[in-house]
C-alpha atoms as a PDB file:
ATOM      1  CA  MET A   1     -34.804  47.455 -13.005  1.00  0.00           C
ATOM      2  CA  LYS A   2     -33.096  46.492 -16.202  1.00  0.00           C
ATOM      3  CA  LYS A   3     -29.913  45.196 -14.609  1.00  0.00           C
ATOM      4  CA  PRO A   4     -29.570  41.860 -12.833  1.00  0.00           C
ATOM      5  CA  VAL A   5     -27.692  43.243  -9.791  1.00  0.00           C
ATOM      6  CA  PHE A   6     -28.876  46.369  -8.017  1.00  0.00           C
ATOM      7  CA  THR A   7     -28.541  48.249  -4.748  1.00  0.00           C
ATOM      8  CA  TRP A   8     -31.130  49.595  -2.340  1.00  0.00           C
ATOM      9  CA  GLN A   9     -30.243  53.112  -3.496  1.00  0.00           C
ATOM     10  CA  GLU A  10     -30.884  52.185  -7.148  1.00  0.00           C
ATOM     11  CA  ALA A  11     -34.224  50.586  -6.211  1.00  0.00           C
ATOM     12  CA  LYS A  12     -35.237  53.830  -4.439  1.00  0.00           C
ATOM     13  CA  VAL A  13     -34.442  55.831  -7.586  1.00  0.00           C
ATOM     14  CA  VAL A  14     -36.488  53.528  -9.824  1.00  0.00           C
ATOM     15  CA  ALA A  15     -39.391  53.464  -7.354  1.00  0.00           C
ATOM     16  CA  PHE A  16     -39.087  57.141  -6.442  1.00  0.00           C
ATOM     17  CA  GLN A  17     -42.836  57.519  -5.822  1.00  0.00           C
ATOM     18  CA  THR A  18     -42.947  54.539  -3.466  1.00  0.00           C
ATOM     19  CA  ASP A  19     -42.666  55.040   0.280  1.00  0.00           C
ATOM     20  CA  PRO A  20     -39.277  53.634   1.493  1.00  0.00           C
ATOM     21  CA  GLY A  21     -41.045  51.417   4.051  1.00  0.00           C
ATOM     22  CA  THR A  22     -43.299  49.969   1.357  1.00  0.00           C
ATOM     23  CA  LEU A  23     -40.291  49.405  -0.918  1.00  0.00           C
ATOM     24  CA  LYS A  24     -38.419  47.555   1.847  1.00  0.00           C
ATOM     25  CA  LEU A  25     -41.477  45.368   2.436  1.00  0.00           C
ATOM     26  CA  GLN A  26     -41.791  44.650  -1.292  1.00  0.00           C
ATOM     27  CA  LEU A  27     -38.115  43.682  -1.562  1.00  0.00           C
ATOM     28  CA  HIS A  28     -38.512  41.430   1.464  1.00  0.00           C
ATOM     29  CA  GLN A  29     -41.559  39.735  -0.106  1.00  0.00           C
ATOM     30  CA  TRP A  30     -39.757  39.236  -3.434  1.00  0.00           C
ATOM     31  CA  LYS A  31     -36.799  37.742  -1.544  1.00  0.00           C
ATOM     32  CA  LYS A  32     -39.108  35.415   0.395  1.00  0.00           C
ATOM     33  CA  ALA A  33     -40.841  34.360  -2.854  1.00  0.00           C
ATOM     34  CA  GLY A  34     -37.448  33.623  -4.459  1.00  0.00           C
ATOM     35  CA  ASP A  35     -37.750  36.360  -7.084  1.00  0.00           C
ATOM     36  CA  ILE A  36     -34.643  38.167  -5.860  1.00  0.00           C
ATOM     37  CA  LEU A  37     -31.536  37.160  -3.920  1.00  0.00           C
ATOM     38  CA  SER A  38     -29.998  39.217  -1.153  1.00  0.00           C
ATOM     39  CA  LEU A  39     -26.251  39.245  -1.874  1.00  0.00           C
ATOM     40  CA  LYS A  40     -25.472  41.383   1.156  1.00  0.00           C
ATOM     41  CA  ARG A  41     -27.327  44.087   3.017  1.00  0.00           C
ATOM     42  CA  GLY A  42     -28.586  46.526   0.409  1.00  0.00           C
ATOM     43  CA  VAL A  43     -27.397  44.552  -2.656  1.00  0.00           C
ATOM     44  CA  TYR A  44     -29.811  42.341  -4.587  1.00  0.00           C
ATOM     45  CA  ALA A  45     -29.947  40.234  -7.741  1.00  0.00           C
ATOM     46  CA  PHE A  46     -32.842  38.881  -9.763  1.00  0.00           C
ATOM     47  CA  SER A  47     -32.901  35.109  -9.372  1.00  0.00           C
ATOM     48  CA  ASN A  48     -34.270  34.466 -12.876  1.00  0.00           C
ATOM     49  CA  GLN A  49     -31.446  36.305 -14.689  1.00  0.00           C
ATOM     50  CA  THR A  50     -27.888  35.296 -15.504  1.00  0.00           C
ATOM     51  CA  ILE A  51     -25.704  36.947 -12.924  1.00  0.00           C
ATOM     52  CA  ASP A  52     -22.215  38.076 -13.936  1.00  0.00           C
ATOM     53  CA  GLN A  53     -19.734  37.392 -11.129  1.00  0.00           C
ATOM     54  CA  VAL A  54     -17.745  40.552 -11.890  1.00  0.00           C
ATOM     55  CA  GLU A  55     -20.919  42.645 -11.692  1.00  0.00           C
ATOM     56  CA  VAL A  56     -21.635  41.120  -8.286  1.00  0.00           C
ATOM     57  CA  ALA A  57     -18.038  41.657  -7.118  1.00  0.00           C
ATOM     58  CA  LYS A  58     -18.042  45.366  -7.880  1.00  0.00           C
ATOM     59  CA  HIS A  59     -21.392  45.874  -6.113  1.00  0.00           C
ATOM     60  CA  LEU A  60     -20.248  43.980  -3.035  1.00  0.00           C
ATOM     61  CA  TYR A  61     -16.978  45.785  -2.335  1.00  0.00           C
ATOM     62  CA  ALA A  62     -15.668  48.590  -4.529  1.00  0.00           C
ATOM     63  CA  PRO A  63     -13.175  49.617  -5.707  1.00  0.00           C
ATOM     64  CA  CYS A  64     -11.861  46.278  -6.879  1.00  0.00           C
ATOM     65  CA  TYR A  65     -10.584  44.368  -9.871  1.00  0.00           C
ATOM     66  CA  VAL A  66     -10.175  40.657 -10.653  1.00  0.00           C
ATOM     67  CA  SER A  67      -6.617  39.461 -10.076  1.00  0.00           C
ATOM     68  CA  LEU A  68      -4.586  36.823  -8.251  1.00  0.00           C
ATOM     69  CA  GLU A  69      -5.589  33.158  -8.759  1.00  0.00           C
ATOM     70  CA  THR A  70      -8.760  33.939 -10.727  1.00  0.00           C
ATOM     71  CA  ALA A  71      -6.908  36.081 -13.273  1.00  0.00           C
ATOM     72  CA  LEU A  72      -3.896  33.750 -13.407  1.00  0.00           C
ATOM     73  CA  ASN A  73      -6.198  30.831 -14.165  1.00  0.00           C
ATOM     74  CA  TYR A  74      -8.066  32.908 -16.759  1.00  0.00           C
ATOM     75  CA  TYR A  75      -4.780  33.610 -18.555  1.00  0.00           C
ATOM     76  CA  GLY A  76      -3.712  29.953 -18.322  1.00  0.00           C
ATOM     77  CA  LEU A  77      -0.734  30.699 -16.085  1.00  0.00           C
ATOM     78  CA  LEU A  78      -1.883  28.598 -13.133  1.00  0.00           C
ATOM     79  CA  PRO A  79      -3.966  25.482 -13.794  1.00  0.00           C
ATOM     80  CA  ASP A  80      -5.868  25.373 -10.514  1.00  0.00           C
ATOM     81  CA  VAL A  81      -9.412  26.737 -10.576  1.00  0.00           C
ATOM     82  CA  THR A  82     -10.298  28.654  -7.442  1.00  0.00           C
ATOM     83  CA  PHE A  83     -13.569  28.211  -5.606  1.00  0.00           C
ATOM     84  CA  ALA A  84     -13.772  31.911  -4.752  1.00  0.00           C
ATOM     85  CA  MET A  85     -13.360  34.801  -7.159  1.00  0.00           C
ATOM     86  CA  THR A  86     -10.143  36.561  -6.123  1.00  0.00           C
ATOM     87  CA  LEU A  87      -9.884  40.329  -6.375  1.00  0.00           C
ATOM     88  CA  VAL A  88      -7.763  43.184  -5.079  1.00  0.00           C
ATOM     89  CA  THR A  89      -9.013  46.367  -3.446  1.00  0.00           C
ATOM     90  CA  THR A  90      -7.675  49.437  -1.677  1.00  0.00           C
ATOM     91  CA  LYS A  91      -9.962  48.675   1.266  1.00  0.00           C
ATOM     92  CA  ALA A  92      -9.419  46.150   4.061  1.00  0.00           C
ATOM     93  CA  THR A  93      -9.056  42.469   3.144  1.00  0.00           C
ATOM     94  CA  ARG A  94     -12.448  40.760   3.193  1.00  0.00           C
ATOM     95  CA  LYS A  95     -14.178  37.510   2.260  1.00  0.00           C
ATOM     96  CA  ILE A  96     -17.856  37.675   1.298  1.00  0.00           C
ATOM     97  CA  ASN A  97     -20.096  34.634   0.835  1.00  0.00           C
ATOM     98  CA  THR A  98     -23.221  35.090  -1.287  1.00  0.00           C
ATOM     99  CA  PRO A  99     -25.838  32.781  -2.813  1.00  0.00           C
ATOM    100  CA  VAL A 100     -24.020  33.200  -6.160  1.00  0.00           C
ATOM    101  CA  GLY A 101     -20.484  32.490  -4.934  1.00  0.00           C
ATOM    102  CA  GLN A 102     -17.635  33.465  -2.673  1.00  0.00           C
ATOM    103  CA  PHE A 103     -15.563  36.610  -3.232  1.00  0.00           C
ATOM    104  CA  THR A 104     -12.138  37.179  -1.668  1.00  0.00           C
ATOM    105  CA  TYR A 105     -10.741  40.707  -1.690  1.00  0.00           C
ATOM    106  CA  GLN A 106      -7.076  41.357  -0.816  1.00  0.00           C
ATOM    107  CA  LYS A 107      -5.832  44.834   0.087  1.00  0.00           C
ATOM    108  CA  ILE A 108      -3.057  46.478  -1.920  1.00  0.00           C
ATOM    109  CA  LYS A 109      -1.566  49.970  -1.787  1.00  0.00           C
ATOM    110  CA  LYS A 110      -3.503  52.733  -3.516  1.00  0.00           C
ATOM    111  CA  SER A 111      -0.446  53.556  -5.611  1.00  0.00           C
ATOM    112  CA  ALA A 112      -0.451  49.967  -6.952  1.00  0.00           C
ATOM    113  CA  PHE A 113      -4.173  49.937  -7.757  1.00  0.00           C
ATOM    114  CA  GLN A 114      -3.787  49.979 -11.557  1.00  0.00           C
ATOM    115  CA  GLY A 115      -3.090  47.679 -14.489  1.00  0.00           C
ATOM    116  CA  TYR A 116      -6.627  46.460 -15.157  1.00  0.00           C
ATOM    117  CA  ASP A 117      -9.322  46.976 -17.783  1.00  0.00           C
ATOM    118  CA  PRO A 118     -11.923  49.385 -16.344  1.00  0.00           C
ATOM    119  CA  GLN A 119     -14.682  47.783 -18.463  1.00  0.00           C
ATOM    120  CA  THR A 120     -14.105  44.134 -17.514  1.00  0.00           C
ATOM    121  CA  LEU A 121     -12.283  44.798 -14.215  1.00  0.00           C
ATOM    122  CA  MET A 122      -9.751  42.099 -15.239  1.00  0.00           C
ATOM    123  CA  ALA A 123      -6.127  42.663 -14.300  1.00  0.00           C
ATOM    124  CA  GLU A 124      -3.596  42.592 -17.092  1.00  0.00           C
ATOM    125  CA  ARG A 125      -1.623  39.351 -17.179  1.00  0.00           C
ATOM    126  CA  GLU A 126       1.537  40.986 -15.800  1.00  0.00           C
ATOM    127  CA  LYS A 127      -0.329  42.874 -13.072  1.00  0.00           C
ATOM    128  CA  ALA A 128      -2.022  39.673 -11.906  1.00  0.00           C
ATOM    129  CA  VAL A 129       1.414  38.038 -11.599  1.00  0.00           C
ATOM    130  CA  VAL A 130       2.797  40.987  -9.621  1.00  0.00           C
ATOM    131  CA  ASP A 131      -0.254  41.141  -7.320  1.00  0.00           C
ATOM    132  CA  TYR A 132       0.002  37.392  -6.700  1.00  0.00           C
ATOM    133  CA  LEU A 133       3.714  37.487  -5.898  1.00  0.00           C
ATOM    134  CA  TYR A 134       3.364  40.550  -3.674  1.00  0.00           C
ATOM    135  CA  LEU A 135       0.453  39.231  -1.621  1.00  0.00           C
ATOM    136  CA  ASN A 136       2.060  35.797  -1.197  1.00  0.00           C
ATOM    137  CA  GLN A 137       5.691  36.870  -0.849  1.00  0.00           C
ATOM    138  CA  ARG A 138       6.071  35.583   2.706  1.00  0.00           C
ATOM    139  CA  HIS A 139       5.287  32.070   1.418  1.00  0.00           C
ATOM    140  CA  PHE A 140       7.433  32.239  -1.727  1.00  0.00           C
ATOM    141  CA  TYR A 141      11.163  31.769  -2.288  1.00  0.00           C
ATOM    142  CA  ALA A 142      13.290  33.426  -4.944  1.00  0.00           C
ATOM    143  CA  LYS A 143      14.715  30.107  -6.122  1.00  0.00           C
ATOM    144  CA  VAL A 144      14.216  28.744  -9.603  1.00  0.00           C
ATOM    145  CA  ASP A 145      13.316  25.246  -8.358  1.00  0.00           C
ATOM    146  CA  PHE A 146      10.613  26.654  -6.044  1.00  0.00           C
ATOM    147  CA  TRP A 147       8.434  27.664  -9.019  1.00  0.00           C
ATOM    148  CA  GLU A 148       7.966  24.009 -10.013  1.00  0.00           C
ATOM    149  CA  THR A 149       5.746  23.502  -6.969  1.00  0.00           C
ATOM    150  CA  LEU A 150       3.227  26.096  -8.208  1.00  0.00           C
ATOM    151  CA  ARG A 151       2.890  24.408 -11.625  1.00  0.00           C
ATOM    152  CA  TRP A 152       3.216  27.618 -13.662  1.00  0.00           C
ATOM    153  CA  GLN A 153       2.291  27.329 -17.334  1.00  0.00           C
ATOM    154  CA  HIS A 154       2.682  29.534 -20.420  1.00  0.00           C
ATOM    155  CA  LEU A 155       5.171  31.860 -18.734  1.00  0.00           C
ATOM    156  CA  GLY A 156       6.453  32.878 -22.150  1.00  0.00           C
ATOM    157  CA  ALA A 157       3.306  35.000 -22.503  1.00  0.00           C
ATOM    158  CA  ILE A 158       4.395  37.262 -19.629  1.00  0.00           C
ATOM    159  CA  LYS A 159       6.111  40.516 -20.546  1.00  0.00           C
ATOM    160  CA  PHE A 160       8.482  40.707 -17.599  1.00  0.00           C
ATOM    161  CA  LYS A 161       9.563  44.303 -18.374  1.00  0.00           C
ATOM    162  CA  ARG A 162       5.939  45.387 -17.971  1.00  0.00           C
ATOM    163  CA  ALA A 163       5.635  43.309 -14.775  1.00  0.00           C
ATOM    164  CA  MET A 164       8.748  45.018 -13.361  1.00  0.00           C
ATOM    165  CA  LYS A 165       7.139  48.419 -14.033  1.00  0.00           C
ATOM    166  CA  TYR A 166       4.099  47.393 -11.991  1.00  0.00           C
ATOM    167  CA  ALA A 167       6.311  46.000  -9.228  1.00  0.00           C
ATOM    168  CA  VAL A 168       7.869  49.447  -8.697  1.00  0.00           C
ATOM    169  CA  TYR A 169       4.594  50.696  -7.172  1.00  0.00           C
ATOM    170  CA  PHE A 170       4.830  48.162  -4.339  1.00  0.00           C
ATOM    171  CA  LYS A 171       8.340  49.261  -3.274  1.00  0.00           C
ATOM    172  CA  SER A 172       9.280  45.742  -2.165  1.00  0.00           C
ATOM    173  CA  GLY A 173      12.768  44.296  -2.553  1.00  0.00           C
ATOM    174  CA  LYS A 174      11.465  40.775  -2.003  1.00  0.00           C
ATOM    175  CA  LEU A 175       8.880  41.234  -4.776  1.00  0.00           C
ATOM    176  CA  ASP A 176      11.646  42.324  -7.149  1.00  0.00           C
ATOM    177  CA  GLN A 177      13.680  39.215  -6.243  1.00  0.00           C
ATOM    178  CA  LEU A 178      10.676  36.936  -6.765  1.00  0.00           C
ATOM    179  CA  LEU A 179       9.920  38.478 -10.142  1.00  0.00           C
ATOM    180  CA  ARG A 180      13.529  38.109 -11.327  1.00  0.00           C
ATOM    181  CA  SER A 181      13.552  34.508 -10.114  1.00  0.00           C
ATOM    182  CA  LEU A 182      10.286  33.732 -11.912  1.00  0.00           C
ATOM    183  CA  ARG A 183      11.707  35.296 -15.084  1.00  0.00           C
ATOM    184  CA  SER A 184      14.761  33.023 -14.799  1.00  0.00           C
ATOM    185  CA  TYR A 185      12.503  30.022 -14.333  1.00  0.00           C
ATOM    186  CA  ALA A 186      10.495  31.038 -17.410  1.00  0.00           C
ATOM    187  CA  LYS A 187      13.681  31.316 -19.497  1.00  0.00           C
ATOM    188  CA  LEU A 188      14.923  27.924 -18.332  1.00  0.00           C
ATOM    189  CA  ASN A 189      11.636  26.224 -19.116  1.00  0.00           C
ATOM    190  CA  GLN A 190      10.751  28.191 -22.250  1.00  0.00           C
ATOM    191  CA  THR A 191       7.038  27.696 -21.545  1.00  0.00           C
ATOM    192  CA  THR A 192       4.761  29.523 -23.932  1.00  0.00           C
END
């Protein structure tokens, strides 16, 4: 294996001449010796290699991309660092704890599953904002003074026209209201 994170299926391909029972035993022994980590059933990582969180995330529960609080913090829009990596998926919402971290996946509509870099799996800034507002809309209020409580920063970097285009895929009137309200807050505060 030349990659730090691998699946049982990939191990079988690499060790194609090895009996599956022998391979399972070998993986178990390497896990017991601390040479590999079991991230979930059938997904492993070498313990002596640097493990990329995004690489782990996509092996744990695909399809997915990094969004919500993790992406908003990455872009400097929300100052709070999250304990878990936050992602969106078209599958059921799920939280997965591993030896290398916690991963929280939130379900969105298939039609809205776009707006991310396929290489890095990072949502675009505007898509992360839209995902965040959509998935938290029952807790949010379309009032300019409400946004102060979330401590938004650098809102001038958001292209709200692009965000509105992404919002269309969710078909949510409340999301549209929240986005317009956040845009008004950004204009009032002129944060860049």
